[in-house]
Amino acid sequence: MKHDDLSPADQDKLDAAAFRRLIAHLDDRKDVQNIDLMILADFCRNCLSKWYRAAGEDLGLDISDAEARERIYGMPYADWKAKFQTPATPEQQAAFAARKPD
C-alpha cells in the first residue's frame, strides 16, 4: 500500500508514531544541545513544544507552554535545563549567529 492510499486515520497514526519516535530519540540524545539542533536544522526541542501547543490549540485544547515543554522534554523544562543543558560555547554562539539572516 502506498502512502497516498492510506486513510486519514492511518496517516495520523503513522504521524503520531513517528513523532513519538522523534521524541524518544531526542530523549536518548540529551547530549545534543538545542543550539546544536538550531545550527544544523533550524529547529529545536523548544520549537517542537511550540508546535505541539499550537496543534493543541487547533484542536481546541488549552495546553500551556510549560505543559507542552514537559511533553517534549519528558520533565519540567527547568529540571531538564539544570540537568542537561550546558552553556553555549563561543563556537556554537558564532555558528548560531552566522546562520541567522540579518
N, C-alpha and C. Protein backbone atom coordinates (compact mmCIF):
# COMPACT_ATOMS: atom_id res chain seq x y z
N MET A 1 0.84 -1.18 0.00
CA MET A 1 0.00 0.00 0.00
C MET A 1 0.89 1.24 0.00
N LYS A 2 0.54 2.19 -0.81
CA LYS A 2 1.27 3.44 -0.89
C LYS A 2 0.72 4.43 0.13
N HIS A 3 1.56 5.37 0.52
CA HIS A 3 1.16 6.38 1.50
C HIS A 3 -0.10 7.11 1.04
N ASP A 4 -0.17 7.42 -0.24
CA ASP A 4 -1.33 8.16 -0.75
C ASP A 4 -2.63 7.38 -0.61
N ASP A 5 -2.52 6.06 -0.48
CA ASP A 5 -3.71 5.21 -0.36
C ASP A 5 -4.17 5.04 1.08
N LEU A 6 -3.42 5.57 2.03
CA LEU A 6 -3.79 5.43 3.43
C LEU A 6 -4.98 6.33 3.77
N SER A 7 -5.77 5.88 4.69
CA SER A 7 -6.86 6.71 5.18
C SER A 7 -6.28 7.84 6.03
N PRO A 8 -7.01 8.93 6.21
CA PRO A 8 -6.52 9.99 7.11
C PRO A 8 -6.24 9.46 8.52
N ALA A 9 -7.04 8.54 9.00
CA ALA A 9 -6.81 7.99 10.34
C ALA A 9 -5.49 7.22 10.39
N ASP A 10 -5.20 6.44 9.35
CA ASP A 10 -3.93 5.71 9.32
C ASP A 10 -2.75 6.65 9.16
N GLN A 11 -2.92 7.71 8.37
CA GLN A 11 -1.86 8.71 8.25
C GLN A 11 -1.58 9.35 9.60
N ASP A 12 -2.64 9.67 10.34
CA ASP A 12 -2.47 10.26 11.67
C ASP A 12 -1.75 9.30 12.60
N LYS A 13 -2.06 8.01 12.52
CA LYS A 13 -1.39 7.02 13.36
C LYS A 13 0.10 6.95 13.04
N LEU A 14 0.42 6.97 11.76
CA LEU A 14 1.84 6.94 11.35
C LEU A 14 2.55 8.22 11.79
N ASP A 15 1.90 9.36 11.58
CA ASP A 15 2.50 10.63 12.00
C ASP A 15 2.75 10.63 13.50
N ALA A 16 1.78 10.16 14.27
CA ALA A 16 1.92 10.12 15.73
C ALA A 16 3.04 9.18 16.14
N ALA A 17 3.15 8.04 15.48
CA ALA A 17 4.21 7.09 15.82
C ALA A 17 5.58 7.67 15.50
N ALA A 18 5.70 8.36 14.37
CA ALA A 18 6.97 8.99 14.02
C ALA A 18 7.32 10.10 15.00
N PHE A 19 6.33 10.87 15.42
CA PHE A 19 6.56 11.93 16.41
C PHE A 19 7.04 11.33 17.72
N ARG A 20 6.38 10.27 18.18
CA ARG A 20 6.81 9.63 19.44
C ARG A 20 8.24 9.10 19.32
N ARG A 21 8.57 8.58 18.16
CA ARG A 21 9.93 8.07 17.96
C ARG A 21 10.95 9.21 17.96
N LEU A 22 10.60 10.34 17.36
CA LEU A 22 11.48 11.51 17.39
C LEU A 22 11.70 11.98 18.82
N ILE A 23 10.63 12.06 19.60
CA ILE A 23 10.75 12.48 20.99
C ILE A 23 11.63 11.52 21.77
N ALA A 24 11.44 10.22 21.55
CA ALA A 24 12.27 9.22 22.24
C ALA A 24 13.73 9.34 21.82
N HIS A 25 13.96 9.59 20.54
CA HIS A 25 15.33 9.74 20.05
C HIS A 25 16.00 10.96 20.69
N LEU A 26 15.29 12.07 20.73
CA LEU A 26 15.84 13.27 21.37
C LEU A 26 16.07 13.03 22.86
N ASP A 27 15.19 12.26 23.48
CA ASP A 27 15.36 11.94 24.90
C ASP A 27 16.61 11.10 25.12
N ASP A 28 16.90 10.21 24.18
CA ASP A 28 18.10 9.38 24.27
C ASP A 28 19.37 10.18 23.97
N ARG A 29 19.23 11.33 23.33
CA ARG A 29 20.38 12.15 22.94
C ARG A 29 20.37 13.49 23.66
N LYS A 30 20.30 13.42 24.98
CA LYS A 30 20.31 14.65 25.76
C LYS A 30 21.62 15.41 25.60
N ASP A 31 22.66 14.73 25.12
CA ASP A 31 23.93 15.39 24.87
C ASP A 31 23.84 16.38 23.71
N VAL A 32 22.86 16.21 22.85
CA VAL A 32 22.68 17.14 21.74
C VAL A 32 21.91 18.35 22.27
N GLN A 33 22.58 19.46 22.27
CA GLN A 33 22.01 20.68 22.82
C GLN A 33 21.07 21.34 21.81
N ASN A 34 20.14 22.11 22.33
CA ASN A 34 19.20 22.82 21.46
C ASN A 34 19.92 23.72 20.47
N ILE A 35 20.98 24.37 20.90
CA ILE A 35 21.70 25.26 19.98
C ILE A 35 22.29 24.46 18.82
N ASP A 36 22.73 23.23 19.09
CA ASP A 36 23.24 22.38 18.01
C ASP A 36 22.14 22.07 17.00
N LEU A 37 20.96 21.75 17.50
CA LEU A 37 19.83 21.49 16.61
C LEU A 37 19.48 22.72 15.80
N MET A 38 19.49 23.88 16.44
CA MET A 38 19.17 25.12 15.74
C MET A 38 20.20 25.43 14.65
N ILE A 39 21.45 25.21 14.95
CA ILE A 39 22.51 25.48 13.97
C ILE A 39 22.35 24.56 12.76
N LEU A 40 22.11 23.30 13.02
CA LEU A 40 22.08 22.31 11.94
C LEU A 40 20.73 22.21 11.23
N ALA A 41 19.64 22.36 11.98
CA ALA A 41 18.33 22.05 11.40
C ALA A 41 17.31 23.19 11.53
N ASP A 42 17.69 24.28 12.18
CA ASP A 42 16.82 25.43 12.35
C ASP A 42 15.54 25.10 13.12
N PHE A 43 15.63 24.13 14.03
CA PHE A 43 14.56 23.84 14.98
C PHE A 43 15.19 23.16 16.17
N CYS A 44 14.47 23.16 17.30
CA CYS A 44 14.97 22.50 18.49
C CYS A 44 13.81 21.97 19.31
N ARG A 45 14.10 21.48 20.47
CA ARG A 45 13.05 20.94 21.35
C ARG A 45 12.01 22.01 21.69
N ASN A 46 12.47 23.23 21.89
CA ASN A 46 11.53 24.32 22.19
C ASN A 46 10.59 24.56 21.01
N CYS A 47 11.11 24.49 19.80
CA CYS A 47 10.26 24.62 18.62
C CYS A 47 9.21 23.53 18.61
N LEU A 48 9.63 22.30 18.87
CA LEU A 48 8.68 21.19 18.90
C LEU A 48 7.59 21.44 19.93
N SER A 49 7.96 21.96 21.09
CA SER A 49 6.96 22.21 22.12
C SER A 49 5.98 23.30 21.67
N LYS A 50 6.46 24.29 20.96
CA LYS A 50 5.57 25.34 20.44
C LYS A 50 4.63 24.78 19.38
N TRP A 51 5.15 23.90 18.53
CA TRP A 51 4.31 23.28 17.51
C TRP A 51 3.27 22.37 18.16
N TYR A 52 3.66 21.70 19.22
CA TYR A 52 2.74 20.82 19.96
C TYR A 52 1.61 21.64 20.58
N ARG A 53 1.97 22.74 21.22
CA ARG A 53 0.97 23.62 21.82
C ARG A 53 0.04 24.18 20.76
N ALA A 54 0.59 24.60 19.62
CA ALA A 54 -0.22 25.15 18.54
C ALA A 54 -1.17 24.09 17.97
N ALA A 55 -0.69 22.87 17.84
CA ALA A 55 -1.55 21.79 17.35
C ALA A 55 -2.70 21.56 18.33
N GLY A 56 -2.41 21.65 19.61
CA GLY A 56 -3.46 21.53 20.61
C GLY A 56 -4.48 22.63 20.48
N GLU A 57 -4.01 23.85 20.26
CA GLU A 57 -4.93 24.98 20.06
C GLU A 57 -5.83 24.74 18.86
N ASP A 58 -5.24 24.19 17.78
CA ASP A 58 -6.03 23.89 16.58
C ASP A 58 -7.15 22.91 16.88
N LEU A 59 -6.95 22.06 17.88
CA LEU A 59 -7.97 21.07 18.27
C LEU A 59 -8.86 21.58 19.41
N GLY A 60 -8.66 22.85 19.77
CA GLY A 60 -9.47 23.43 20.83
C GLY A 60 -9.00 23.07 22.23
N LEU A 61 -7.75 22.62 22.36
CA LEU A 61 -7.20 22.24 23.65
C LEU A 61 -6.39 23.39 24.24
N ASP A 62 -6.47 23.56 25.52
CA ASP A 62 -5.73 24.61 26.21
C ASP A 62 -4.48 23.99 26.83
N ILE A 63 -3.38 24.00 26.07
CA ILE A 63 -2.12 23.44 26.53
C ILE A 63 -1.16 24.60 26.77
N SER A 64 -0.64 24.68 27.98
CA SER A 64 0.28 25.77 28.30
C SER A 64 1.66 25.48 27.71
N ASP A 65 2.47 26.53 27.64
CA ASP A 65 3.86 26.34 27.19
C ASP A 65 4.58 25.34 28.09
N ALA A 66 4.37 25.45 29.40
CA ALA A 66 5.03 24.55 30.35
C ALA A 66 4.60 23.10 30.12
N GLU A 67 3.31 22.89 29.88
CA GLU A 67 2.82 21.53 29.64
C GLU A 67 3.38 20.97 28.34
N ALA A 68 3.44 21.80 27.30
CA ALA A 68 3.98 21.36 26.02
C ALA A 68 5.47 21.03 26.15
N ARG A 69 6.21 21.88 26.85
CA ARG A 69 7.63 21.60 27.04
C ARG A 69 7.85 20.32 27.84
N GLU A 70 7.01 20.09 28.85
CA GLU A 70 7.16 18.86 29.64
C GLU A 70 6.91 17.63 28.77
N ARG A 71 5.98 17.72 27.83
CA ARG A 71 5.72 16.60 26.92
C ARG A 71 6.95 16.34 26.06
N ILE A 72 7.58 17.37 25.56
CA ILE A 72 8.72 17.21 24.67
C ILE A 72 9.98 16.82 25.44
N TYR A 73 10.22 17.45 26.58
CA TYR A 73 11.43 17.19 27.35
C TYR A 73 11.31 15.99 28.27
N GLY A 74 10.08 15.54 28.54
CA GLY A 74 9.89 14.39 29.42
C GLY A 74 10.00 14.74 30.90
N MET A 75 10.06 16.02 31.18
CA MET A 75 10.17 16.51 32.56
C MET A 75 9.97 18.02 32.50
N PRO A 76 9.76 18.65 33.64
CA PRO A 76 9.68 20.12 33.61
C PRO A 76 10.94 20.72 32.97
N TYR A 77 10.72 21.75 32.18
CA TYR A 77 11.82 22.37 31.43
C TYR A 77 12.95 22.82 32.35
N ALA A 78 12.61 23.40 33.49
CA ALA A 78 13.65 23.87 34.41
C ALA A 78 14.51 22.71 34.89
N ASP A 79 13.91 21.56 35.11
CA ASP A 79 14.68 20.38 35.53
C ASP A 79 15.61 19.92 34.42
N TRP A 80 15.09 19.90 33.18
CA TRP A 80 15.92 19.47 32.05
C TRP A 80 17.11 20.41 31.88
N LYS A 81 16.85 21.72 31.95
CA LYS A 81 17.93 22.69 31.82
C LYS A 81 18.99 22.49 32.89
N ALA A 82 18.55 22.28 34.13
CA ALA A 82 19.50 22.12 35.23
C ALA A 82 20.32 20.84 35.09
N LYS A 83 19.73 19.79 34.57
CA LYS A 83 20.41 18.50 34.47
C LYS A 83 21.24 18.32 33.20
N PHE A 84 20.75 18.90 32.08
CA PHE A 84 21.34 18.54 30.79
C PHE A 84 21.84 19.68 29.93
N GLN A 85 21.37 20.90 30.16
CA GLN A 85 21.79 22.00 29.29
C GLN A 85 23.14 22.52 29.73
N THR A 86 24.01 22.68 28.77
CA THR A 86 25.33 23.23 29.04
C THR A 86 25.39 24.64 28.43
N PRO A 87 26.26 25.48 28.94
CA PRO A 87 26.40 26.81 28.34
C PRO A 87 26.89 26.69 26.90
N ALA A 88 26.38 27.53 26.06
CA ALA A 88 26.82 27.54 24.67
C ALA A 88 28.27 27.99 24.60
N THR A 89 29.03 27.28 23.80
CA THR A 89 30.43 27.65 23.61
C THR A 89 30.52 28.86 22.68
N PRO A 90 31.65 29.54 22.70
CA PRO A 90 31.82 30.65 21.74
C PRO A 90 31.65 30.17 20.29
N GLU A 91 32.11 28.95 20.01
CA GLU A 91 31.98 28.41 18.65
C GLU A 91 30.50 28.19 18.29
N GLN A 92 29.73 27.66 19.24
CA GLN A 92 28.29 27.48 18.99
C GLN A 92 27.60 28.81 18.80
N GLN A 93 27.93 29.77 19.63
CA GLN A 93 27.32 31.09 19.51
C GLN A 93 27.64 31.72 18.16
N ALA A 94 28.88 31.57 17.71
CA ALA A 94 29.28 32.13 16.41
C ALA A 94 28.55 31.42 15.27
N ALA A 95 28.45 30.10 15.35
CA ALA A 95 27.75 29.34 14.30
C ALA A 95 26.27 29.70 14.27
N PHE A 96 25.68 29.88 15.44
CA PHE A 96 24.27 30.27 15.52
C PHE A 96 24.07 31.65 14.91
N ALA A 97 24.94 32.58 15.25
CA ALA A 97 24.84 33.95 14.73
C ALA A 97 25.05 33.96 13.22
N ALA A 98 25.94 33.13 12.73
CA ALA A 98 26.24 33.11 11.29
C ALA A 98 25.09 32.57 10.47
N ARG A 99 24.26 31.72 11.04
CA ARG A 99 23.15 31.12 10.28
C ARG A 99 21.93 32.00 10.22
N LYS A 100 21.86 33.00 11.10
CA LYS A 100 20.69 33.86 11.15
C LYS A 100 20.77 34.93 10.07
N PRO A 101 19.68 35.15 9.35
CA PRO A 101 19.71 36.25 8.38
C PRO A 101 19.74 37.59 9.11
N ASP A 102 20.26 38.59 8.42
CA ASP A 102 20.35 39.94 9.02
C ASP A 102 19.00 40.51 9.32
